[in-house]
């Protein structure tokens, strides 16, 4: 299956993991204690109360995960997944968060062996990814985290671990990553031979059993996630937290996939669903898949929905709550303005004269249009315009300037390389992480 993901380039080096932990493990422990004491002294009574309750939940190769770490990660998990943290789900989320913290600790320890340049890039990229994941309505991620009492450092460590992990896999398995360009070229040639093959636009969440979560528990989790998605939970947020696939970094987004790249059982179920529907969990090759269908192209790369439209428009904004008389008057004025326009250059000129600035043309594919607007615009020929359309408090007249298929029907080589990288990530991710877990000394403290 194809995935889409943007990775980092790693340098080749020999593994120094055992020697590194032997030498620096005491340093890590001392650093943890110093950081804890500094936080205790700097934050005053609020942290003092928390510190009185702090205890060690687990150690990973001698490095502790405390109850404070677990509480912060549980809140972050709920936030990123779009869950409300309640008494009913707290125990499950805490168990999931402890597993994730353990894995992140192993990833960071493996990443500590990477060259400093890669580690510095990971720190910078972590902040950017955090802002993309949590920045809302112009608010930076820190503001969102502060509202949930989640330290910024806890969130940054999660993203830094994920970024470093990709470089760890590339450095550990260099031969597997050597032929990405060749694989991308082969895939592009294959797609070129099958331009009209039907395609689905999908997002995915992939779960596999772990050392601490067996097959039955993994299916229970998959069913809980499917139920939550049916109640409106955030698909992308859950994918970023729970999915083991390379697509998790993109919120589970796979993009357009030819049906031949999907298991036949998946295709059969997807064909019976509508856009926006969630199906699953579906079993395939040891994993459980939850899929959301976002679109369908009956004719693949040649589908009419891929046509690119260029639109010119005149726009008038009316006050919210305007009555029919106000709307009717504004519509009449807009029709009067648009009446003399015979082409898109005329529309641009009229817009500039009316508002003092050109409205600007819109370039959009047919499949990106709202179904209602698509039905209206598909009936136009270049140079024809709509009647007055209403979008909330905006009234608009739209003219079709041009409509044509894109010159290059196929994804770029860079896009296909990312897809091949994503496939490798999905194969190696769980396998190598399980190997590290088995080799690690993980000690859970008695309650």
Protein backbone atom coordinates (compact mmCIF):
# COMPACT_ATOMS: atom_id res chain seq x y z
CA UNK A 1 0.00 0.00 0.00
CA UNK A 2 1.21 3.47 -0.79
CA UNK A 3 1.70 6.00 1.98
CA UNK A 4 2.62 9.67 1.90
CA UNK A 5 5.16 11.05 4.30
CA UNK A 6 8.06 13.52 4.31
CA UNK A 7 11.18 12.09 6.00
CA UNK A 8 14.57 13.35 7.03
CA UNK A 9 17.91 12.39 5.49
CA UNK A 10 20.17 10.46 7.84
CA UNK A 11 23.90 9.90 7.77
CA UNK A 12 25.37 6.41 7.82
CA UNK A 13 27.16 5.43 10.98
CA UNK A 14 27.95 2.38 13.08
CA UNK A 15 25.67 1.65 16.02
CA UNK A 16 27.08 2.78 19.37
CA UNK A 17 23.92 2.16 21.36
CA UNK A 18 25.29 -0.22 23.96
CA UNK A 19 28.40 1.81 24.67
CA UNK A 20 26.42 5.04 24.72
CA UNK A 21 23.96 3.84 27.35
CA UNK A 22 26.72 2.36 29.49
CA UNK A 23 28.63 5.64 29.59
CA UNK A 24 25.84 8.19 29.63
CA UNK A 25 23.02 6.50 31.52
CA UNK A 26 24.22 7.93 34.89
CA UNK A 27 24.42 11.35 33.25
CA UNK A 28 20.80 11.04 32.06
CA UNK A 29 19.68 10.07 35.55
CA UNK A 30 21.53 12.99 37.15
CA UNK A 31 20.16 15.39 34.53
CA UNK A 32 16.64 14.20 35.24
CA UNK A 33 17.02 14.77 38.97
CA UNK A 34 18.53 18.23 38.47
CA UNK A 35 15.77 19.24 36.05
CA UNK A 36 13.15 18.01 38.49
CA UNK A 37 14.68 19.97 41.37
CA UNK A 38 14.98 23.13 39.28
CA UNK A 39 11.34 22.89 38.25
CA UNK A 40 10.42 22.34 41.88
CA UNK A 41 12.28 25.44 43.08
CA UNK A 42 11.28 27.71 40.18
CA UNK A 43 7.55 26.99 40.04
CA UNK A 44 6.68 27.49 43.67
CA UNK A 45 3.65 26.06 45.52
CA UNK A 46 1.78 24.81 42.42
CA UNK A 47 4.63 22.48 41.44
CA UNK A 48 5.41 21.74 45.06
CA UNK A 49 2.02 20.09 45.50
CA UNK A 50 2.53 18.03 42.35
CA UNK A 51 6.05 17.07 43.43
CA UNK A 52 4.74 15.75 46.74
CA UNK A 53 2.61 13.32 44.77
CA UNK A 54 5.23 12.39 42.15
CA UNK A 55 6.53 8.87 41.95
CA UNK A 56 8.24 6.72 39.36
CA UNK A 57 5.88 4.65 37.17
CA UNK A 58 8.46 2.94 34.94
CA UNK A 59 12.14 3.06 34.13
CA UNK A 60 13.40 2.53 30.58
CA UNK A 61 17.07 1.53 30.56
CA UNK A 62 17.37 3.24 33.93
CA UNK A 63 15.65 6.49 32.86
CA UNK A 64 12.50 7.16 34.91
CA UNK A 65 9.00 7.99 33.70
CA UNK A 66 7.20 9.69 36.59
CA UNK A 67 3.54 10.11 37.44
CA UNK A 68 3.90 13.75 36.37
CA UNK A 69 5.25 12.65 32.97
CA UNK A 70 2.32 10.26 32.64
CA UNK A 71 -0.26 12.88 33.57
CA UNK A 72 1.19 15.35 31.05
CA UNK A 73 1.30 12.71 28.30
CA UNK A 74 -2.27 11.56 29.05
CA UNK A 75 -3.55 15.11 28.71
CA UNK A 76 -1.54 15.55 25.50
CA UNK A 77 -2.92 12.28 24.10
CA UNK A 78 -6.48 13.41 24.80
CA UNK A 79 -5.80 16.80 23.23
CA UNK A 80 -4.11 15.50 20.08
CA UNK A 81 -6.69 12.73 19.60
CA UNK A 82 -9.66 15.02 20.13
CA UNK A 83 -10.91 13.06 23.14
CA UNK A 84 -12.41 14.55 26.29
CA UNK A 85 -10.52 13.22 29.30
CA UNK A 86 -13.20 11.69 31.56
CA UNK A 87 -13.33 9.32 34.50
CA UNK A 88 -14.68 6.66 32.11
CA UNK A 89 -11.76 6.78 29.67
CA UNK A 90 -8.92 7.95 31.93
CA UNK A 91 -7.61 4.47 32.76
CA UNK A 92 -7.49 3.47 29.09
CA UNK A 93 -5.83 6.73 28.03
CA UNK A 94 -3.28 6.46 30.85
CA UNK A 95 -2.37 2.93 29.77
CA UNK A 96 -2.00 4.08 26.16
CA UNK A 97 0.01 7.13 27.24
CA UNK A 98 2.42 5.01 29.30
CA UNK A 99 3.03 2.73 26.30
CA UNK A 100 3.65 5.78 24.11
CA UNK A 101 6.02 7.34 26.65
CA UNK A 102 7.99 4.10 26.81
CA UNK A 103 8.28 3.96 23.02
CA UNK A 104 9.23 7.64 22.84
CA UNK A 105 11.94 7.09 25.46
CA UNK A 106 13.38 4.26 23.36
CA UNK A 107 13.23 6.40 20.23
CA UNK A 108 15.02 9.28 21.94
CA UNK A 109 17.68 6.98 23.33
CA UNK A 110 18.27 5.52 19.86
CA UNK A 111 18.22 9.02 18.39
CA UNK A 112 20.89 10.18 20.84
CA UNK A 113 23.41 8.27 18.70
CA UNK A 114 22.64 10.38 15.62
CA UNK A 115 24.96 13.19 14.47
CA UNK A 116 24.36 16.57 16.16
CA UNK A 117 23.18 18.18 12.91
CA UNK A 118 20.25 15.76 12.66
CA UNK A 119 19.35 16.24 16.32
CA UNK A 120 19.37 20.03 15.93
CA UNK A 121 17.09 19.76 12.89
CA UNK A 122 14.74 17.56 14.87
CA UNK A 123 14.46 20.14 17.65
CA UNK A 124 13.59 22.91 15.17
CA UNK A 125 11.15 20.76 13.23
CA UNK A 126 9.41 19.58 16.41
CA UNK A 127 8.27 23.11 17.23
CA UNK A 128 7.00 23.64 13.69
CA UNK A 129 5.07 20.36 13.68
CA UNK A 130 3.63 21.12 17.10
CA UNK A 131 2.32 24.48 15.91
CA UNK A 132 0.82 22.83 12.83
CA UNK A 133 -0.88 20.16 14.93
CA UNK A 134 -2.17 22.39 17.73
CA UNK A 135 -2.15 25.99 16.48
CA UNK A 136 -5.80 27.03 16.35
CA UNK A 137 -7.53 30.21 15.22
CA UNK A 138 -4.23 32.07 15.11
CA UNK A 139 -3.21 30.89 18.59
CA UNK A 140 0.27 29.34 18.96
CA UNK A 141 0.50 25.79 20.26
CA UNK A 142 1.81 26.99 23.63
CA UNK A 143 -1.42 28.88 24.32
CA UNK A 144 -3.47 25.77 23.56
CA UNK A 145 -1.22 23.65 25.78
CA UNK A 146 -1.32 26.16 28.63
CA UNK A 147 -5.12 25.98 28.62
CA UNK A 148 -4.84 22.21 29.28
CA UNK A 149 -1.99 22.57 31.82
CA UNK A 150 0.40 20.67 29.55
CA UNK A 151 4.05 21.81 29.59
CA UNK A 152 5.42 22.80 26.21
CA UNK A 153 8.49 20.62 26.80
CA UNK A 154 6.36 17.47 27.14
CA UNK A 155 4.72 18.07 23.78
CA UNK A 156 8.00 18.93 22.05
CA UNK A 157 9.62 15.70 23.25
CA UNK A 158 6.83 13.67 21.65
CA UNK A 159 7.33 15.32 18.25
CA UNK A 160 11.13 15.26 18.51
CA UNK A 161 11.03 11.51 19.19
CA UNK A 162 8.91 10.90 16.09
CA UNK A 163 11.21 12.97 13.87
CA UNK A 164 14.40 11.36 15.15
CA UNK A 165 12.92 7.90 14.75
CA UNK A 166 12.75 8.23 10.98
CA UNK A 167 16.45 9.07 10.85
CA UNK A 168 17.18 6.16 13.19
CA UNK A 169 15.45 3.77 10.78
CA UNK A 170 17.26 5.24 7.78
CA UNK A 171 20.62 4.91 9.52
CA UNK A 172 19.90 1.41 10.82
CA UNK A 173 18.63 0.05 7.49
CA UNK A 174 20.52 2.03 4.84
CA UNK A 175 20.28 -0.61 2.11
CA UNK A 176 16.48 -0.64 2.28
CA UNK A 177 16.41 3.10 1.64
CA UNK A 178 18.98 3.16 -1.18
CA UNK A 179 16.61 2.49 -4.08
CA UNK A 180 13.82 4.98 -3.37
CA UNK A 181 14.36 6.88 -6.62
CA UNK A 182 14.37 3.72 -8.68
CA UNK A 183 11.23 2.47 -6.97
CA UNK A 184 9.53 5.82 -7.58
CA UNK A 185 10.42 5.70 -11.28
CA UNK A 186 9.05 2.17 -11.53
CA UNK A 187 5.82 3.22 -9.85
CA UNK A 188 5.45 6.21 -12.18
CA UNK A 189 5.92 3.94 -15.20
CA UNK A 190 3.30 1.56 -13.84
CA UNK A 191 0.82 4.38 -13.27
CA UNK A 192 1.44 5.67 -16.78
CA UNK A 193 0.37 2.30 -18.15
CA UNK A 194 -2.94 2.49 -16.23
CA UNK A 195 -4.07 6.13 -16.40
CA UNK A 196 -7.77 5.24 -16.37
CA UNK A 197 -7.60 2.81 -13.43
CA UNK A 198 -10.18 3.79 -10.75
CA UNK A 199 -8.83 5.45 -7.60
CA UNK A 200 -9.95 6.09 -4.02
CA UNK A 201 -8.87 9.06 -1.90
CA UNK A 202 -8.29 7.68 1.60
CA UNK A 203 -7.07 8.32 5.10
CA UNK A 204 -6.08 5.45 7.38
CA UNK A 205 -5.35 4.36 10.93
CA UNK A 206 -3.32 1.15 11.25
CA UNK A 207 -2.99 -0.77 14.52
CA UNK A 208 -0.85 -3.82 15.28
CA UNK A 209 -0.45 -5.83 18.49
CA UNK A 210 2.43 -4.82 20.75
CA UNK A 211 4.26 -6.44 23.64
CA UNK A 212 1.82 -4.84 26.08
CA UNK A 213 -1.33 -5.05 23.92
CA UNK A 214 -2.27 -8.42 22.47
CA UNK A 215 -4.45 -9.14 19.39
CA UNK A 216 -7.73 -9.11 21.35
CA UNK A 217 -6.91 -5.82 23.08
CA UNK A 218 -5.79 -4.33 19.76
CA UNK A 219 -9.12 -5.22 18.16
CA UNK A 220 -10.96 -3.74 21.14
CA UNK A 221 -8.98 -0.53 20.69
CA UNK A 222 -9.70 -0.49 16.95
CA UNK A 223 -13.42 -0.86 17.61
CA UNK A 224 -13.35 1.89 20.25
CA UNK A 225 -11.60 4.21 17.78
CA UNK A 226 -14.11 3.36 15.04
CA UNK A 227 -16.99 4.12 17.42
CA UNK A 228 -15.36 7.41 18.46
CA UNK A 229 -14.91 8.41 14.79
CA UNK A 230 -18.58 7.68 14.22
CA UNK A 231 -19.37 10.16 17.00
CA UNK A 232 -17.22 12.84 15.35
CA UNK A 233 -13.76 12.30 16.87
CA UNK A 234 -10.79 13.80 15.05
CA UNK A 235 -9.52 11.22 12.52
CA UNK A 236 -6.22 13.00 11.87
CA UNK A 237 -5.51 13.48 15.57
CA UNK A 238 -6.14 9.82 16.39
CA UNK A 239 -4.03 8.70 13.41
CA UNK A 240 -1.09 10.81 14.61
CA UNK A 241 -1.26 9.22 18.06
CA UNK A 242 -2.19 5.60 17.44
CA UNK A 243 -1.40 4.60 13.86
CA UNK A 244 1.83 2.71 13.20
CA UNK A 245 1.80 3.54 9.48
CA UNK A 246 4.05 6.12 7.91
CA UNK A 247 0.94 8.10 7.01
CA UNK A 248 0.43 8.88 10.71
CA UNK A 249 2.68 11.94 10.39
CA UNK A 250 0.18 13.33 7.85
CA UNK A 251 -2.82 12.54 10.00
CA UNK A 252 -3.34 9.25 8.17
CA UNK A 253 -3.64 10.91 4.76
CA UNK A 254 -2.89 8.55 1.88
CA UNK A 255 -4.22 10.60 -1.01
CA UNK A 256 -5.39 9.00 -4.25
CA UNK A 257 -4.61 5.29 -4.60
CA UNK A 258 -5.31 3.03 -7.60
CA UNK A 259 -7.60 0.14 -6.70
CA UNK A 260 -4.90 -2.36 -7.68
CA UNK A 261 -2.77 -1.14 -4.74
CA UNK A 262 -5.51 -2.05 -2.23
CA UNK A 263 -6.56 -5.49 -0.98
CA UNK A 264 -9.66 -6.70 -2.89
CA UNK A 265 -11.65 -6.94 0.37
CA UNK A 266 -10.93 -3.24 1.04
CA UNK A 267 -12.03 -2.27 -2.49
CA UNK A 268 -15.30 -4.18 -2.12
CA UNK A 269 -16.19 -2.37 1.09
CA UNK A 270 -15.04 1.05 -0.13
CA UNK A 271 -17.17 0.67 -3.26
CA UNK A 272 -20.26 0.29 -1.06
CA UNK A 273 -19.61 3.43 1.03
CA UNK A 274 -20.02 7.14 0.36
CA UNK A 275 -17.45 9.91 0.63
CA UNK A 276 -16.81 10.77 4.27
CA UNK A 277 -17.74 7.31 5.56
CA UNK A 278 -15.48 5.31 7.90
CA UNK A 279 -15.07 1.56 7.47
CA UNK A 280 -13.28 -0.97 9.63
CA UNK A 281 -11.56 -2.35 11.46
CA UNK A 282 -10.38 -4.49 8.52
CA UNK A 283 -7.80 -7.24 9.02
CA UNK A 284 -4.86 -7.40 6.61
CA UNK A 285 -1.38 -8.90 7.02
CA UNK A 286 -1.35 -8.77 10.80
CA UNK A 287 -2.71 -5.23 11.03
CA UNK A 288 -6.11 -3.68 11.66
CA UNK A 289 -7.05 -0.90 9.25
CA UNK A 290 -9.61 1.86 9.77
CA UNK A 291 -10.25 3.79 6.55
CA UNK A 292 -12.12 6.94 5.65
CA UNK A 293 -13.17 7.39 2.06
CA UNK A 294 -12.73 10.99 0.90
CA UNK A 295 -13.31 10.61 -2.84
CA UNK A 296 -13.56 8.34 -5.85
CA UNK A 297 -12.35 8.71 -9.44
CA UNK A 298 -14.04 6.25 -11.77
CA UNK A 299 -11.56 7.05 -14.54
CA UNK A 300 -8.44 7.51 -12.43
CA UNK A 301 -6.05 10.18 -13.71
CA UNK A 302 -8.37 10.80 -16.68
CA UNK A 303 -11.41 11.45 -14.50
CA UNK A 304 -13.31 14.67 -15.34
CA UNK A 305 -13.08 15.65 -11.69
CA UNK A 306 -9.37 16.36 -12.23
CA UNK A 307 -10.14 19.16 -14.66
CA UNK A 308 -8.76 22.50 -13.51
CA UNK A 309 -11.14 25.45 -13.61
CA UNK A 310 -10.10 29.10 -13.62
CA UNK A 311 -12.87 31.34 -12.32
CA UNK A 312 -13.42 35.11 -12.21
CA UNK A 313 -15.95 36.50 -9.74
CA UNK A 314 -17.74 39.58 -8.52
CA UNK A 315 -18.47 39.63 -4.81
CA UNK A 316 -20.73 41.65 -2.51
CA UNK A 317 -20.93 41.15 1.26
CA UNK A 318 -24.24 41.88 2.98
CA UNK A 319 -24.78 42.30 6.73
CA UNK A 320 -25.64 39.09 8.58
CA UNK A 321 -29.36 38.69 9.16
CA UNK A 322 -30.29 40.86 6.17
CA UNK A 323 -33.93 40.51 5.13
CA UNK A 324 -35.15 39.54 1.67
CA UNK A 325 -35.52 43.18 0.61
CA UNK A 326 -31.85 43.92 1.33
CA UNK A 327 -30.75 40.70 -0.35
CA UNK A 328 -32.89 41.38 -3.38
CA UNK A 329 -31.50 44.89 -3.79
CA UNK A 330 -27.89 43.69 -3.44
CA UNK A 331 -28.53 40.88 -5.94
CA UNK A 332 -29.99 43.32 -8.47
CA UNK A 333 -26.96 45.61 -8.11
CA UNK A 334 -24.59 42.67 -8.59
CA UNK A 335 -26.41 41.48 -11.71
CA UNK A 336 -26.32 45.00 -13.09
CA UNK A 337 -22.55 45.17 -12.51
CA UNK A 338 -21.94 41.77 -14.11
CA UNK A 339 -24.27 42.32 -17.05
CA UNK A 340 -21.79 43.98 -19.48
CA UNK A 341 -19.06 41.37 -18.87
CA UNK A 342 -18.43 39.15 -21.90
CA UNK A 343 -15.18 37.58 -20.74
CA UNK A 344 -13.03 37.20 -17.65
CA UNK A 345 -10.97 40.31 -18.46
CA UNK A 346 -14.22 42.30 -18.30
CA UNK A 347 -15.04 40.71 -14.93
CA UNK A 348 -11.62 41.65 -13.58
CA UNK A 349 -12.03 45.25 -14.77
CA UNK A 350 -15.54 45.59 -13.30
CA UNK A 351 -14.34 44.18 -9.96
CA UNK A 352 -11.46 46.65 -9.89
CA UNK A 353 -13.71 49.62 -10.71
CA UNK A 354 -16.27 48.60 -8.08
CA UNK A 355 -13.87 47.92 -5.22
CA UNK A 356 -10.65 49.65 -6.17
CA UNK A 357 -8.82 46.36 -6.50
CA UNK A 358 -9.03 43.26 -8.65
CA UNK A 359 -10.87 40.35 -7.06
CA UNK A 360 -8.30 37.87 -8.32
CA UNK A 361 -9.02 34.66 -10.16
CA UNK A 362 -9.53 31.32 -8.50
CA UNK A 363 -7.90 28.11 -9.79
CA UNK A 364 -9.56 24.95 -8.52
CA UNK A 365 -10.16 21.37 -9.64
CA UNK A 366 -13.70 20.19 -10.27
CA UNK A 367 -13.46 17.54 -7.54
CA UNK A 368 -12.57 20.19 -4.95
CA UNK A 369 -15.86 22.03 -5.48
CA UNK A 370 -18.85 21.76 -3.18
CA UNK A 371 -21.30 19.35 -4.91
CA UNK A 372 -23.94 22.08 -5.34
CA UNK A 373 -21.52 24.56 -6.86
CA UNK A 374 -19.96 21.83 -8.98
CA UNK A 375 -23.35 21.08 -10.54
CA UNK A 376 -23.76 24.77 -11.43
CA UNK A 377 -20.27 25.34 -12.84
CA UNK A 378 -20.06 22.11 -14.82
CA UNK A 379 -22.93 23.39 -16.94
CA UNK A 380 -21.00 26.51 -18.02
CA UNK A 381 -18.86 27.07 -21.09
CA UNK A 382 -15.86 29.45 -20.94
CA UNK A 383 -17.13 33.05 -20.95
CA UNK A 384 -20.48 32.13 -19.40
CA UNK A 385 -21.44 33.27 -15.91
CA UNK A 386 -23.77 32.18 -13.14
CA UNK A 387 -26.73 33.99 -11.71
CA UNK A 388 -26.27 35.41 -8.21
CA UNK A 389 -25.05 32.73 -5.77
CA UNK A 390 -25.14 33.07 -2.01
CA UNK A 391 -22.37 31.85 0.30
CA UNK A 392 -23.24 32.84 3.86
CA UNK A 393 -23.15 36.64 3.94
CA UNK A 394 -21.51 36.85 0.50
CA UNK A 395 -23.31 37.22 -2.83
CA UNK A 396 -21.33 36.32 -5.92
CA UNK A 397 -21.50 36.05 -9.70
CA UNK A 398 -18.93 33.63 -11.13
CA UNK A 399 -17.65 33.34 -14.70
CA UNK A 400 -15.83 30.31 -16.05
CA UNK A 401 -12.59 31.43 -17.71
CA UNK A 402 -11.19 28.02 -18.69
CA UNK A 403 -11.49 24.33 -17.94
CA UNK A 404 -8.83 21.78 -18.90
CA UNK A 405 -7.14 18.61 -17.75
CA UNK A 406 -3.71 19.13 -16.13
CA UNK A 407 -0.80 18.82 -18.55
CA UNK A 408 0.94 16.19 -16.42
CA UNK A 409 -1.47 13.52 -15.22
CA UNK A 410 0.97 11.75 -12.92
CA UNK A 411 2.34 12.47 -9.43
CA UNK A 412 5.84 13.93 -9.34
CA UNK A 413 8.83 11.70 -8.68
CA UNK A 414 9.33 13.48 -5.35
CA UNK A 415 5.77 12.61 -4.30
CA UNK A 416 6.29 8.99 -5.30
CA UNK A 417 9.63 8.86 -3.44
CA UNK A 418 7.86 10.02 -0.30
CA UNK A 419 5.29 7.28 -0.84
CA UNK A 420 8.01 4.64 -1.14
CA UNK A 421 9.72 6.02 1.97
CA UNK A 422 6.40 5.76 3.74
CA UNK A 423 6.03 2.11 2.77
CA UNK A 424 9.45 1.32 4.21
CA UNK A 425 8.68 3.24 7.39
CA UNK A 426 5.48 1.26 7.85
CA UNK A 427 7.33 -2.04 7.46
CA UNK A 428 10.29 -1.19 9.70
CA UNK A 429 8.66 0.98 12.37
CA UNK A 430 6.93 -1.61 14.55
CA UNK A 431 9.49 -4.31 13.81
CA UNK A 432 12.52 -2.36 15.04
CA UNK A 433 10.69 -0.74 17.92
CA UNK A 434 9.66 -4.18 19.18
CA UNK A 435 13.30 -5.28 18.89
CA UNK A 436 14.38 -2.33 21.05
CA UNK A 437 11.67 -3.11 23.59
CA UNK A 438 12.85 -6.69 23.90
CA UNK A 439 16.46 -5.60 24.39
CA UNK A 440 15.61 -2.81 26.83
CA UNK A 441 15.39 -3.01 30.59
CA UNK A 442 11.84 -1.79 31.29
CA UNK A 443 10.84 -1.96 34.93
CA UNK A 444 7.33 -1.04 36.04
CA UNK A 445 7.10 0.06 39.64
CA UNK A 446 4.56 -1.49 41.99
CA UNK A 447 1.49 0.68 42.59
